Amino acid sequence: MSVNDDEIVLTKSVDPSPGNAVNPYGSDISPLTFRKRYYGATLNIRIEPLSGGLMFSDKYIQLASYFASENVYGFGENAHHAIKHDLSRYTTWAMLARDEGPNSYGLDTKNLYGVFAFYICVEYDGNAHGVLIVNSNPQVACLFLKFSERSGTEQPT
């Protein structure tokens, strides 16, 4: 299934109780590809069933996808040693605000004052895209490299 610029994925609820949203496209939504055209280029975000796909329930959303490159910046207000994320190690970034000042010593990934679930990915062709995730519940982003069976190398995830 593909969703283009001029299409919107809608759900309908037949019952007001939680968890009763109905997918109008049927039960199998993976793989799902979002395409957005900008300045002559196309941004493709593909949700793969083998990477976890899309899971949605009351107070829980899981979206597994791959980045276009390892040049990823953002994901909450956390203490970082560098602006660019290091995808060479598995890192979990919690996005739940608390009153703690920044501390960039050590490899801890403590969350700070605000929650800004936004990332920017600079792609290999020089284009960049950003995604803002708006949510009222705690959020976690797990960043790591995946092994690509096609190329035999690790790929950003």
N, C-alpha and C. Protein backbone atom coordinates (compact mmCIF):
# COMPACT_ATOMS: atom_id res chain seq x y z
N MET A 1 0.85 -1.17 0.00
CA MET A 1 0.00 0.00 0.00
C MET A 1 0.89 1.23 0.00
N SER A 2 0.51 2.25 -0.71
CA SER A 2 1.24 3.51 -0.73
C SER A 2 0.31 4.66 -0.42
N VAL A 3 0.83 5.66 0.28
CA VAL A 3 0.07 6.87 0.58
C VAL A 3 0.84 8.02 -0.01
N ASN A 4 0.24 8.79 -0.91
CA ASN A 4 0.90 9.91 -1.57
C ASN A 4 0.49 11.23 -0.95
N ASP A 5 1.05 12.33 -1.46
CA ASP A 5 0.79 13.68 -0.95
C ASP A 5 -0.70 13.97 -0.78
N ASP A 6 -1.48 13.62 -1.77
CA ASP A 6 -2.87 14.03 -1.79
C ASP A 6 -3.80 13.01 -1.12
N GLU A 7 -3.26 12.02 -0.45
CA GLU A 7 -4.07 11.03 0.22
C GLU A 7 -3.88 11.13 1.72
N ILE A 8 -4.90 10.82 2.46
CA ILE A 8 -4.83 10.84 3.92
C ILE A 8 -5.33 9.49 4.41
N VAL A 9 -4.59 8.87 5.32
CA VAL A 9 -5.03 7.62 5.91
C VAL A 9 -5.99 7.96 7.03
N LEU A 10 -7.21 7.46 6.94
CA LEU A 10 -8.22 7.74 7.94
C LEU A 10 -8.58 6.47 8.69
N THR A 11 -8.96 6.63 9.95
CA THR A 11 -9.53 5.53 10.70
C THR A 11 -10.90 5.96 11.17
N LYS A 12 -11.75 5.01 11.42
CA LYS A 12 -13.07 5.34 11.96
C LYS A 12 -13.29 4.52 13.22
N SER A 13 -14.06 5.05 14.12
CA SER A 13 -14.34 4.37 15.37
C SER A 13 -15.82 4.02 15.40
N VAL A 14 -16.12 2.75 15.58
CA VAL A 14 -17.51 2.32 15.66
C VAL A 14 -18.01 2.31 17.09
N ASP A 15 -17.09 2.44 18.03
CA ASP A 15 -17.42 2.41 19.45
C ASP A 15 -16.47 3.38 20.14
N PRO A 16 -16.95 4.24 21.04
CA PRO A 16 -16.06 5.23 21.66
C PRO A 16 -15.04 4.67 22.64
N SER A 17 -15.11 3.39 23.00
CA SER A 17 -14.13 2.84 23.94
C SER A 17 -12.78 2.68 23.26
N PRO A 18 -11.69 2.73 24.06
CA PRO A 18 -10.33 2.67 23.49
C PRO A 18 -10.09 1.40 22.68
N GLY A 19 -9.28 1.53 21.65
CA GLY A 19 -8.85 0.39 20.86
C GLY A 19 -9.83 -0.07 19.80
N ASN A 20 -10.84 0.73 19.50
CA ASN A 20 -11.83 0.31 18.52
C ASN A 20 -11.73 1.04 17.19
N ALA A 21 -10.58 1.59 16.88
CA ALA A 21 -10.40 2.22 15.57
C ALA A 21 -10.36 1.13 14.51
N VAL A 22 -10.91 1.42 13.35
CA VAL A 22 -10.97 0.46 12.26
C VAL A 22 -10.14 0.99 11.11
N ASN A 23 -9.24 0.17 10.60
CA ASN A 23 -8.43 0.54 9.44
C ASN A 23 -9.27 0.34 8.19
N PRO A 24 -9.57 1.41 7.44
CA PRO A 24 -10.41 1.26 6.25
C PRO A 24 -9.74 0.49 5.12
N TYR A 25 -8.44 0.22 5.22
CA TYR A 25 -7.72 -0.50 4.18
C TYR A 25 -7.61 -1.99 4.47
N GLY A 26 -8.20 -2.47 5.55
CA GLY A 26 -8.12 -3.87 5.90
C GLY A 26 -7.12 -4.11 7.02
N SER A 27 -6.91 -5.37 7.36
CA SER A 27 -6.06 -5.69 8.50
C SER A 27 -4.57 -5.69 8.16
N ASP A 28 -4.21 -5.88 6.91
CA ASP A 28 -2.80 -5.93 6.52
C ASP A 28 -2.35 -4.57 5.99
N ILE A 29 -1.65 -3.79 6.83
CA ILE A 29 -1.19 -2.47 6.39
C ILE A 29 0.31 -2.45 6.10
N SER A 30 1.01 -3.55 6.30
CA SER A 30 2.44 -3.57 6.06
C SER A 30 2.73 -4.37 4.81
N PRO A 31 3.70 -4.01 4.01
CA PRO A 31 4.50 -2.79 4.12
C PRO A 31 3.69 -1.57 3.67
N LEU A 32 3.92 -0.48 4.34
CA LEU A 32 3.23 0.78 4.08
C LEU A 32 4.28 1.81 3.69
N THR A 33 4.09 2.48 2.58
CA THR A 33 5.07 3.45 2.10
C THR A 33 4.42 4.82 2.00
N PHE A 34 5.05 5.82 2.61
CA PHE A 34 4.62 7.20 2.50
C PHE A 34 5.58 7.90 1.55
N ARG A 35 5.06 8.60 0.58
CA ARG A 35 5.90 9.32 -0.36
C ARG A 35 5.53 10.79 -0.34
N LYS A 36 6.51 11.64 -0.25
CA LYS A 36 6.29 13.08 -0.25
C LYS A 36 7.24 13.70 -1.25
N ARG A 37 6.72 14.44 -2.23
CA ARG A 37 7.56 15.12 -3.21
C ARG A 37 7.92 16.49 -2.69
N TYR A 38 9.19 16.84 -2.81
CA TYR A 38 9.64 18.17 -2.41
C TYR A 38 10.82 18.56 -3.29
N TYR A 39 10.75 19.72 -3.86
CA TYR A 39 11.82 20.28 -4.68
C TYR A 39 12.36 19.28 -5.70
N GLY A 40 11.48 18.53 -6.32
CA GLY A 40 11.89 17.61 -7.37
C GLY A 40 12.38 16.26 -6.88
N ALA A 41 12.56 16.09 -5.58
CA ALA A 41 13.00 14.81 -5.03
C ALA A 41 11.82 14.15 -4.32
N THR A 42 11.94 12.89 -4.01
CA THR A 42 10.87 12.16 -3.33
C THR A 42 11.40 11.57 -2.04
N LEU A 43 10.72 11.85 -0.94
CA LEU A 43 11.04 11.25 0.35
C LEU A 43 10.20 9.99 0.48
N ASN A 44 10.84 8.87 0.72
CA ASN A 44 10.13 7.61 0.91
C ASN A 44 10.32 7.14 2.34
N ILE A 45 9.23 6.95 3.05
CA ILE A 45 9.29 6.36 4.38
C ILE A 45 8.52 5.05 4.28
N ARG A 46 9.20 3.95 4.50
CA ARG A 46 8.58 2.64 4.33
C ARG A 46 8.55 1.93 5.67
N ILE A 47 7.37 1.47 6.05
CA ILE A 47 7.20 0.71 7.28
C ILE A 47 7.21 -0.76 6.90
N GLU A 48 8.24 -1.46 7.32
CA GLU A 48 8.44 -2.85 6.93
C GLU A 48 7.87 -3.80 7.98
N PRO A 49 7.16 -4.86 7.56
CA PRO A 49 6.63 -5.81 8.53
C PRO A 49 7.72 -6.57 9.27
N LEU A 50 8.86 -6.82 8.64
CA LEU A 50 9.93 -7.57 9.30
C LEU A 50 10.69 -6.75 10.33
N SER A 51 10.56 -5.43 10.30
CA SER A 51 11.26 -4.59 11.27
C SER A 51 10.36 -4.19 12.43
N GLY A 52 9.18 -4.75 12.52
CA GLY A 52 8.27 -4.42 13.60
C GLY A 52 7.03 -3.71 13.10
N GLY A 53 7.11 -3.12 11.91
CA GLY A 53 5.95 -2.49 11.30
C GLY A 53 5.33 -1.41 12.15
N LEU A 54 4.02 -1.39 12.18
CA LEU A 54 3.26 -0.40 12.92
C LEU A 54 2.38 -1.13 13.93
N MET A 55 2.57 -0.80 15.21
CA MET A 55 1.73 -1.35 16.27
C MET A 55 1.03 -0.18 16.95
N PHE A 56 -0.27 -0.29 17.15
CA PHE A 56 -1.04 0.81 17.71
C PHE A 56 -2.04 0.25 18.71
N SER A 57 -1.99 0.76 19.94
CA SER A 57 -2.97 0.39 20.96
C SER A 57 -3.12 1.57 21.91
N ASP A 58 -3.94 1.42 22.93
CA ASP A 58 -4.17 2.50 23.88
C ASP A 58 -2.87 2.86 24.59
N LYS A 59 -2.42 4.08 24.46
CA LYS A 59 -1.21 4.62 25.07
C LYS A 59 0.07 3.93 24.59
N TYR A 60 0.03 3.33 23.41
CA TYR A 60 1.24 2.68 22.87
C TYR A 60 1.21 2.74 21.35
N ILE A 61 2.26 3.30 20.79
CA ILE A 61 2.44 3.30 19.34
C ILE A 61 3.88 2.88 19.06
N GLN A 62 4.06 1.91 18.19
CA GLN A 62 5.41 1.52 17.78
C GLN A 62 5.48 1.62 16.27
N LEU A 63 6.47 2.33 15.81
CA LEU A 63 6.69 2.50 14.38
C LEU A 63 8.14 2.14 14.11
N ALA A 64 8.36 1.14 13.28
CA ALA A 64 9.71 0.73 12.92
C ALA A 64 9.96 1.09 11.47
N SER A 65 11.04 1.80 11.23
CA SER A 65 11.37 2.22 9.88
C SER A 65 12.88 2.36 9.77
N TYR A 66 13.35 2.70 8.58
CA TYR A 66 14.77 2.90 8.35
C TYR A 66 15.02 4.33 7.90
N PHE A 67 16.15 4.88 8.30
CA PHE A 67 16.55 6.21 7.86
C PHE A 67 17.23 6.12 6.51
N ALA A 68 17.20 7.23 5.77
CA ALA A 68 17.84 7.28 4.46
C ALA A 68 19.36 7.34 4.57
N SER A 69 19.90 7.72 5.71
CA SER A 69 21.34 7.75 5.95
C SER A 69 21.58 7.69 7.45
N GLU A 70 22.85 7.63 7.85
CA GLU A 70 23.16 7.63 9.28
C GLU A 70 23.31 9.04 9.84
N ASN A 71 23.01 10.05 9.06
CA ASN A 71 23.12 11.45 9.50
C ASN A 71 21.81 11.88 10.16
N VAL A 72 21.63 11.47 11.42
CA VAL A 72 20.38 11.69 12.15
C VAL A 72 20.65 12.62 13.32
N TYR A 73 19.80 13.62 13.48
CA TYR A 73 19.94 14.61 14.54
C TYR A 73 18.58 14.78 15.20
N GLY A 74 18.57 15.01 16.53
CA GLY A 74 17.32 15.32 17.21
C GLY A 74 16.86 14.22 18.14
N PHE A 75 15.55 14.04 18.26
CA PHE A 75 14.86 13.09 19.15
C PHE A 75 14.94 13.51 20.60
N GLY A 76 14.19 14.52 20.94
CA GLY A 76 14.04 14.89 22.34
C GLY A 76 15.16 15.76 22.85
N GLU A 77 14.96 16.26 24.04
CA GLU A 77 15.98 17.07 24.69
C GLU A 77 16.75 16.14 25.64
N ASN A 78 17.81 15.57 25.15
CA ASN A 78 18.65 14.64 25.89
C ASN A 78 20.09 15.13 25.85
N ALA A 79 20.89 14.66 26.81
CA ALA A 79 22.31 15.01 26.83
C ALA A 79 23.02 14.21 25.73
N HIS A 80 23.74 14.92 24.86
CA HIS A 80 24.47 14.30 23.76
C HIS A 80 25.94 14.72 23.85
N HIS A 81 26.83 13.85 23.37
CA HIS A 81 28.24 14.21 23.24
C HIS A 81 28.50 14.92 21.93
N ALA A 82 27.62 14.69 20.96
CA ALA A 82 27.73 15.33 19.65
C ALA A 82 26.31 15.59 19.15
N ILE A 83 26.18 16.51 18.23
CA ILE A 83 24.85 16.82 17.70
C ILE A 83 24.34 15.65 16.86
N LYS A 84 25.23 15.04 16.07
CA LYS A 84 24.85 13.89 15.25
C LYS A 84 24.79 12.64 16.12
N HIS A 85 23.75 11.83 15.94
CA HIS A 85 23.63 10.59 16.71
C HIS A 85 24.68 9.57 16.26
N ASP A 86 25.21 8.85 17.22
CA ASP A 86 26.15 7.77 16.95
C ASP A 86 25.35 6.48 16.79
N LEU A 87 25.18 6.03 15.56
CA LEU A 87 24.40 4.83 15.31
C LEU A 87 25.24 3.56 15.37
N SER A 88 26.50 3.67 15.81
CA SER A 88 27.35 2.48 15.88
C SER A 88 27.05 1.65 17.13
N ARG A 89 26.25 2.18 18.05
CA ARG A 89 25.87 1.42 19.23
C ARG A 89 24.37 1.57 19.44
N TYR A 90 23.76 0.56 20.01
CA TYR A 90 22.33 0.58 20.29
C TYR A 90 22.07 1.60 21.38
N THR A 91 21.24 2.60 21.11
CA THR A 91 20.96 3.65 22.08
C THR A 91 19.46 3.87 22.17
N THR A 92 18.97 3.98 23.40
CA THR A 92 17.56 4.28 23.65
C THR A 92 17.47 5.68 24.21
N TRP A 93 16.65 6.52 23.58
CA TRP A 93 16.45 7.89 24.02
C TRP A 93 15.05 8.02 24.59
N ALA A 94 14.96 8.23 25.92
CA ALA A 94 13.66 8.42 26.56
C ALA A 94 13.19 9.85 26.32
N MET A 95 11.91 10.00 26.08
CA MET A 95 11.34 11.34 25.88
C MET A 95 10.19 11.52 26.86
N LEU A 96 10.56 11.82 28.10
CA LEU A 96 9.61 12.10 29.17
C LEU A 96 10.24 13.22 29.98
N ALA A 97 9.61 14.37 30.03
CA ALA A 97 10.22 15.55 30.65
C ALA A 97 10.37 15.39 32.16
N ARG A 98 11.49 15.89 32.68
CA ARG A 98 11.70 15.97 34.12
C ARG A 98 12.63 17.14 34.38
N ASP A 99 12.69 17.57 35.61
CA ASP A 99 13.47 18.75 35.97
C ASP A 99 14.89 18.33 36.36
N GLU A 100 15.74 18.18 35.35
CA GLU A 100 17.13 17.84 35.59
C GLU A 100 17.99 18.60 34.59
N GLY A 101 19.01 19.23 35.09
CA GLY A 101 19.89 19.99 34.23
C GLY A 101 20.75 19.11 33.35
N PRO A 102 21.35 19.67 32.31
CA PRO A 102 22.18 18.88 31.39
C PRO A 102 23.48 18.43 32.03
N ASN A 103 23.90 17.23 31.67
CA ASN A 103 25.17 16.66 32.12
C ASN A 103 25.71 15.84 30.97
N SER A 104 26.72 16.33 30.29
CA SER A 104 27.23 15.62 29.12
C SER A 104 28.40 14.70 29.45
N TYR A 105 28.65 14.45 30.74
CA TYR A 105 29.71 13.52 31.12
C TYR A 105 29.17 12.10 31.10
N GLY A 106 29.99 11.15 30.72
CA GLY A 106 29.56 9.76 30.65
C GLY A 106 28.70 9.51 29.42
N LEU A 107 28.22 8.29 29.32
CA LEU A 107 27.42 7.92 28.16
C LEU A 107 25.94 7.80 28.49
N ASP A 108 25.51 8.38 29.62
CA ASP A 108 24.09 8.30 29.95
C ASP A 108 23.27 9.13 28.96
N THR A 109 22.02 8.78 28.83
CA THR A 109 21.14 9.48 27.90
C THR A 109 19.95 10.05 28.66
N LYS A 110 20.24 10.77 29.73
CA LYS A 110 19.17 11.32 30.57
C LYS A 110 18.33 12.32 29.80
N ASN A 111 17.04 12.24 30.05
CA ASN A 111 16.15 13.23 29.46
C ASN A 111 16.19 14.50 30.30
N LEU A 112 15.82 15.63 29.71
CA LEU A 112 15.96 16.93 30.37
C LEU A 112 14.61 17.61 30.51
N TYR A 113 14.60 18.92 30.46
CA TYR A 113 13.42 19.71 30.78
C TYR A 113 12.24 19.51 29.83
N GLY A 114 12.46 19.52 28.56
CA GLY A 114 11.36 19.48 27.60
C GLY A 114 11.39 18.23 26.76
N VAL A 115 10.30 17.98 26.07
CA VAL A 115 10.22 16.83 25.17
C VAL A 115 9.93 17.36 23.77
N PHE A 116 10.85 17.09 22.86
CA PHE A 116 10.71 17.54 21.48
C PHE A 116 10.98 16.35 20.58
N ALA A 117 9.95 15.59 20.28
CA ALA A 117 10.10 14.38 19.48
C ALA A 117 10.19 14.76 18.00
N PHE A 118 11.33 15.31 17.64
CA PHE A 118 11.58 15.77 16.28
C PHE A 118 12.95 15.29 15.87
N TYR A 119 13.07 14.80 14.65
CA TYR A 119 14.40 14.45 14.15
C TYR A 119 14.57 15.02 12.76
N ILE A 120 15.83 15.20 12.40
CA ILE A 120 16.20 15.59 11.04
C ILE A 120 17.18 14.55 10.53
N CYS A 121 16.97 14.11 9.30
CA CYS A 121 17.87 13.16 8.66
C CYS A 121 18.40 13.82 7.38
N VAL A 122 19.71 13.98 7.31
CA VAL A 122 20.34 14.53 6.10
C VAL A 122 20.70 13.34 5.22
N GLU A 123 20.11 13.30 4.04
CA GLU A 123 20.28 12.16 3.14
C GLU A 123 21.57 12.30 2.34
N TYR A 124 21.99 11.22 1.69
CA TYR A 124 23.25 11.21 0.95
C TYR A 124 23.25 12.16 -0.24
N ASP A 125 22.08 12.46 -0.79
CA ASP A 125 22.02 13.37 -1.94
C ASP A 125 22.01 14.84 -1.52
N GLY A 126 22.13 15.11 -0.21
CA GLY A 126 22.17 16.48 0.27
C GLY A 126 20.83 17.01 0.73
N ASN A 127 19.75 16.34 0.36
CA ASN A 127 18.43 16.74 0.85
C ASN A 127 18.27 16.30 2.30
N ALA A 128 17.34 16.92 2.99
CA ALA A 128 17.08 16.57 4.38
C ALA A 128 15.57 16.52 4.59
N HIS A 129 15.16 15.71 5.55
CA HIS A 129 13.76 15.70 5.94
C HIS A 129 13.69 15.67 7.46
N GLY A 130 12.61 16.18 7.98
CA GLY A 130 12.38 16.19 9.42
C GLY A 130 11.00 15.66 9.72
N VAL A 131 10.86 15.02 10.87
CA VAL A 131 9.57 14.48 11.29
C VAL A 131 9.33 14.89 12.73
N LEU A 132 8.15 15.44 12.99
CA LEU A 132 7.71 15.79 14.34
C LEU A 132 6.66 14.77 14.75
N ILE A 133 6.88 14.12 15.88
CA ILE A 133 5.94 13.14 16.40
C ILE A 133 5.19 13.80 17.55
N VAL A 134 3.90 14.04 17.37
CA VAL A 134 3.09 14.68 18.39
C VAL A 134 2.35 13.60 19.16
N ASN A 135 2.57 13.56 20.46
CA ASN A 135 2.02 12.51 21.29
C ASN A 135 1.92 13.03 22.71
N SER A 136 0.90 12.64 23.46
CA SER A 136 0.75 13.09 24.83
C SER A 136 1.27 12.09 25.85
N ASN A 137 1.80 10.98 25.40
CA ASN A 137 2.32 9.95 26.29
C ASN A 137 3.84 9.91 26.22
N PRO A 138 4.49 9.24 27.19
CA PRO A 138 5.95 9.10 27.12
C PRO A 138 6.36 8.41 25.82
N GLN A 139 7.55 8.77 25.33
CA GLN A 139 8.02 8.24 24.06
C GLN A 139 9.46 7.75 24.22
N VAL A 140 9.83 6.80 23.41
CA VAL A 140 11.19 6.27 23.38
C VAL A 140 11.59 6.10 21.93
N ALA A 141 12.81 6.48 21.61
CA ALA A 141 13.37 6.24 20.28
C ALA A 141 14.59 5.34 20.45
N CYS A 142 14.64 4.24 19.72
CA CYS A 142 15.78 3.33 19.75
C CYS A 142 16.50 3.46 18.41
N LEU A 143 17.75 3.85 18.45
CA LEU A 143 18.53 4.06 17.23
C LEU A 143 19.68 3.06 17.20
N PHE A 144 19.82 2.36 16.08
CA PHE A 144 20.90 1.40 15.93
C PHE A 144 21.05 1.07 14.46
N LEU A 145 22.10 0.34 14.13
CA LEU A 145 22.33 -0.11 12.75
C LEU A 145 21.75 -1.50 12.58
N LYS A 146 21.19 -1.76 11.43
CA LYS A 146 20.71 -3.10 11.13
C LYS A 146 21.63 -3.71 10.08
N PHE A 147 21.73 -5.02 10.06
CA PHE A 147 22.55 -5.70 9.08
C PHE A 147 21.73 -5.90 7.81
N SER A 148 22.26 -5.47 6.68
CA SER A 148 21.57 -5.60 5.41
C SER A 148 22.01 -6.89 4.72
N GLU A 149 21.05 -7.77 4.48
CA GLU A 149 21.38 -9.03 3.80
C GLU A 149 21.78 -8.79 2.35
N ARG A 150 21.25 -7.74 1.75
CA ARG A 150 21.57 -7.45 0.35
C ARG A 150 23.03 -7.05 0.18
N SER A 151 23.48 -6.10 1.00
CA SER A 151 24.83 -5.57 0.80
C SER A 151 25.85 -6.19 1.75
N GLY A 152 25.39 -6.90 2.79
CA GLY A 152 26.31 -7.48 3.76
C GLY A 152 26.92 -6.44 4.68
N THR A 153 26.32 -5.27 4.76
CA THR A 153 26.82 -4.20 5.62
C THR A 153 25.73 -3.75 6.58
N GLU A 154 26.14 -2.97 7.56
CA GLU A 154 25.16 -2.43 8.49
C GLU A 154 24.52 -1.19 7.89
N GLN A 155 23.23 -1.02 8.11
CA GLN A 155 22.47 0.11 7.59
C GLN A 155 21.83 0.85 8.76
N PRO A 156 21.64 2.17 8.66
CA PRO A 156 20.98 2.90 9.74
C PRO A 156 19.54 2.49 9.89
N THR A 157 19.08 2.43 11.14
CA THR A 157 17.69 2.05 11.40
C THR A 157 17.05 3.02 12.33
